[in-house]
């Protein structure tokens, strides 16, 4: 028997592939029910999306705070659009993660480029001005504060903008706003 993911030889009694970690119990289900093979791509895509949501939620949880979670329920009826319900609980209850989850549903852009960036210092604040022509609203910009950097993604009709810049750990993002074709991020040090 071979692993369906990586092709390495595996024993039938093994539960996981020692090479790639694939769940061989699930692979055996495809052998028993060949009709499921047509859905394999869909299942794998759903699995990837849930892993990405989990990574996003881990980034949202602050160190030392009680963690929470997300409950996602997808239901459908014949002839109707599927309905998706997202509920947060614990430390995520008051955080609005839906815009970030919806941002994942965008069509892939034809062009991705780094925005032209100007940096200004105003007292204890640093102002980053990112030029992103075609971005129409603040909802089209995703700002992620990472441990020692900030990741900015902006979406226009046929293009995306991406940049990453470093920040000291103690710095905080004071405000963000869209001014014409510039996205402005004020950082307080």
Protein backbone atom coordinates (compact mmCIF):
# COMPACT_ATOMS: atom_id res chain seq x y z
CA UNK A 1 0.00 0.00 0.00
CA UNK A 2 1.19 3.54 -0.75
CA UNK A 3 0.31 6.86 0.87
CA UNK A 4 -2.09 8.74 -1.42
CA UNK A 5 -0.54 12.09 -0.45
CA UNK A 6 3.22 11.48 -0.87
CA UNK A 7 3.37 8.06 -2.57
CA UNK A 8 5.72 6.46 -0.02
CA UNK A 9 5.16 2.79 0.87
CA UNK A 10 3.19 2.33 4.12
CA UNK A 11 1.80 -0.64 6.01
CA UNK A 12 -1.93 -1.18 6.13
CA UNK A 13 -1.98 -1.26 9.96
CA UNK A 14 -0.35 2.19 10.28
CA UNK A 15 -2.63 5.10 11.13
CA UNK A 16 -0.30 7.86 9.87
CA UNK A 17 2.29 8.10 7.09
CA UNK A 18 5.78 8.37 8.67
CA UNK A 19 6.96 10.50 5.72
CA UNK A 20 4.28 13.23 5.42
CA UNK A 21 1.99 12.61 8.42
CA UNK A 22 -1.13 11.95 6.31
CA UNK A 23 -4.00 10.29 8.16
CA UNK A 24 -4.00 6.81 6.59
CA UNK A 25 -7.30 5.93 8.26
CA UNK A 26 -8.94 8.56 6.07
CA UNK A 27 -7.02 7.27 3.03
CA UNK A 28 -8.40 3.76 3.65
CA UNK A 29 -11.92 5.25 3.59
CA UNK A 30 -11.23 6.38 0.01
CA UNK A 31 -10.25 2.78 -0.87
CA UNK A 32 -13.48 1.44 0.64
CA UNK A 33 -15.69 4.10 -0.93
CA UNK A 34 -14.16 5.12 -4.28
CA UNK A 35 -17.00 7.60 -4.91
CA UNK A 36 -15.45 9.81 -2.19
CA UNK A 37 -12.35 10.38 -4.35
CA UNK A 38 -14.26 12.98 -6.36
CA UNK A 39 -14.79 14.97 -3.17
CA UNK A 40 -11.18 14.65 -2.01
CA UNK A 41 -10.16 18.04 -3.44
CA UNK A 42 -13.10 19.73 -1.74
CA UNK A 43 -12.31 18.07 1.60
CA UNK A 44 -8.63 19.03 1.32
CA UNK A 45 -9.55 22.66 0.54
CA UNK A 46 -11.90 22.81 3.54
CA UNK A 47 -9.16 21.30 5.71
CA UNK A 48 -6.64 23.95 4.50
CA UNK A 49 -9.13 26.76 5.18
CA UNK A 50 -9.76 25.54 8.73
CA UNK A 51 -6.00 25.35 9.36
CA UNK A 52 -5.64 28.94 8.11
CA UNK A 53 -8.50 30.09 10.37
CA UNK A 54 -6.81 28.34 13.30
CA UNK A 55 -3.51 30.15 12.53
CA UNK A 56 -5.36 33.49 12.38
CA UNK A 57 -7.06 32.81 15.70
CA UNK A 58 -3.76 31.92 17.36
CA UNK A 59 -2.38 35.27 16.18
CA UNK A 60 -5.41 37.07 17.64
CA UNK A 61 -5.02 35.54 21.10
CA UNK A 62 -2.78 37.68 23.29
CA UNK A 63 -0.05 35.95 25.34
CA UNK A 64 -1.19 35.31 28.90
CA UNK A 65 -4.88 35.84 28.28
CA UNK A 66 -7.44 33.08 28.58
CA UNK A 67 -7.99 31.61 25.18
CA UNK A 68 -11.29 31.29 23.44
CA UNK A 69 -12.46 29.77 20.24
CA UNK A 70 -14.71 29.89 17.27
CA UNK A 71 -17.70 27.78 16.38
CA UNK A 72 -18.47 27.56 12.66
CA UNK A 73 -21.67 25.94 11.42
CA UNK A 74 -22.38 25.48 7.73
CA UNK A 75 -25.85 24.36 6.68
CA UNK A 76 -27.57 24.08 3.35
CA UNK A 77 -30.95 23.27 1.93
CA UNK A 78 -31.72 22.12 -1.60
CA UNK A 79 -32.03 25.05 -3.97
CA UNK A 80 -30.67 27.61 -1.47
CA UNK A 81 -27.28 29.17 -0.83
CA UNK A 82 -25.29 27.52 2.02
CA UNK A 83 -25.60 29.41 5.32
CA UNK A 84 -22.49 30.03 7.44
CA UNK A 85 -22.78 30.96 11.12
CA UNK A 86 -19.69 32.00 13.09
CA UNK A 87 -19.75 32.39 16.87
CA UNK A 88 -16.82 33.33 19.10
CA UNK A 89 -16.41 32.50 22.78
CA UNK A 90 -13.92 33.05 25.59
CA UNK A 91 -11.24 35.66 24.97
CA UNK A 92 -12.36 36.04 21.34
CA UNK A 93 -15.95 36.90 22.22
CA UNK A 94 -15.50 40.67 21.91
CA UNK A 95 -13.19 40.59 18.90
CA UNK A 96 -14.59 40.99 15.44
CA UNK A 97 -12.86 38.32 13.37
CA UNK A 98 -15.48 38.14 10.62
CA UNK A 99 -13.89 40.80 8.36
CA UNK A 100 -10.63 38.83 8.45
CA UNK A 101 -12.42 35.57 7.69
CA UNK A 102 -14.32 37.19 4.82
CA UNK A 103 -11.11 38.67 3.41
CA UNK A 104 -10.02 35.11 2.59
CA UNK A 105 -12.88 34.84 0.05
CA UNK A 106 -11.37 37.34 -2.41
CA UNK A 107 -10.52 36.34 -5.94
CA UNK A 108 -6.77 36.01 -6.49
CA UNK A 109 -5.35 39.25 -7.94
CA UNK A 110 -3.58 39.32 -11.28
CA UNK A 111 -0.77 41.48 -9.88
CA UNK A 112 0.72 41.75 -6.39
CA UNK A 113 3.10 44.57 -5.69
CA UNK A 114 4.73 46.38 -2.80
CA UNK A 115 3.19 49.80 -2.17
CA UNK A 116 5.33 52.93 -2.33
CA UNK A 117 5.95 53.81 1.33
CA UNK A 118 6.87 57.10 3.04
CA UNK A 119 7.77 57.28 6.71
CA UNK A 120 7.42 60.44 8.83
CA UNK A 121 8.24 61.02 12.49
CA UNK A 122 5.96 63.23 14.61
CA UNK A 123 7.15 63.36 18.24
CA UNK A 124 6.69 59.89 19.71
CA UNK A 125 4.70 58.72 16.68
CA UNK A 126 5.86 57.25 13.40
CA UNK A 127 3.50 57.65 10.43
CA UNK A 128 3.65 55.15 7.56
CA UNK A 129 1.99 56.31 4.32
CA UNK A 130 1.40 53.41 1.92
CA UNK A 131 0.34 54.40 -1.59
CA UNK A 132 -2.28 51.90 -2.82
CA UNK A 133 -4.14 53.21 -5.90
CA UNK A 134 -7.47 51.49 -6.48
CA UNK A 135 -8.12 50.53 -2.85
CA UNK A 136 -11.60 51.89 -2.20
CA UNK A 137 -12.23 51.51 1.54
CA UNK A 138 -10.54 50.59 4.81
CA UNK A 139 -12.32 47.23 4.66
CA UNK A 140 -10.10 46.41 1.65
CA UNK A 141 -6.97 46.67 3.82
CA UNK A 142 -5.93 43.98 6.31
CA UNK A 143 -3.39 45.04 8.97
CA UNK A 144 -1.88 42.26 11.10
CA UNK A 145 0.28 43.14 14.11
CA UNK A 146 2.82 40.37 14.50
CA UNK A 147 5.35 40.00 17.33
CA UNK A 148 7.94 42.46 15.98
CA UNK A 149 6.44 43.56 12.69
CA UNK A 150 3.29 44.66 10.89
CA UNK A 151 1.90 42.97 7.78
CA UNK A 152 -0.31 45.05 5.48
CA UNK A 153 -2.38 43.67 2.61
CA UNK A 154 -4.48 45.94 0.43
CA UNK A 155 -6.89 44.82 -2.28
CA UNK A 156 -7.90 46.77 -5.37
CA UNK A 157 -10.01 45.38 -8.24
CA UNK A 158 -7.29 43.54 -10.18
CA UNK A 159 -4.27 43.93 -7.93
CA UNK A 160 -3.10 43.42 -4.39
CA UNK A 161 -0.55 45.29 -2.32
CA UNK A 162 1.62 43.65 0.30
CA UNK A 163 4.29 45.00 2.62
CA UNK A 164 5.87 44.05 5.91
CA UNK A 165 7.76 46.43 8.19
CA UNK A 166 9.40 45.97 11.58
CA UNK A 167 8.22 47.56 14.81
CA UNK A 168 9.63 47.38 18.32
CA UNK A 169 7.64 45.07 20.59
CA UNK A 170 6.56 47.91 22.87
CA UNK A 171 5.16 50.01 19.96
CA UNK A 172 1.43 49.99 19.31
CA UNK A 173 -0.69 50.92 16.31
CA UNK A 174 -2.50 54.12 17.34
CA UNK A 175 -4.68 54.56 14.23
CA UNK A 176 -5.23 53.51 10.63
CA UNK A 177 -7.15 55.37 7.93
CA UNK A 178 -7.50 55.64 4.18
CA UNK A 179 -6.76 59.10 2.74
CA UNK A 180 -7.35 59.09 -1.01
CA UNK A 181 -5.00 56.49 -2.46
CA UNK A 182 -2.82 56.37 0.69
CA UNK A 183 -3.34 54.07 3.65
CA UNK A 184 -1.98 55.78 6.76
CA UNK A 185 -0.77 53.86 9.83
CA UNK A 186 0.23 55.83 12.95
CA UNK A 187 2.45 53.95 15.38
CA UNK A 188 3.05 55.15 18.93
CA UNK A 189 6.42 54.26 20.42
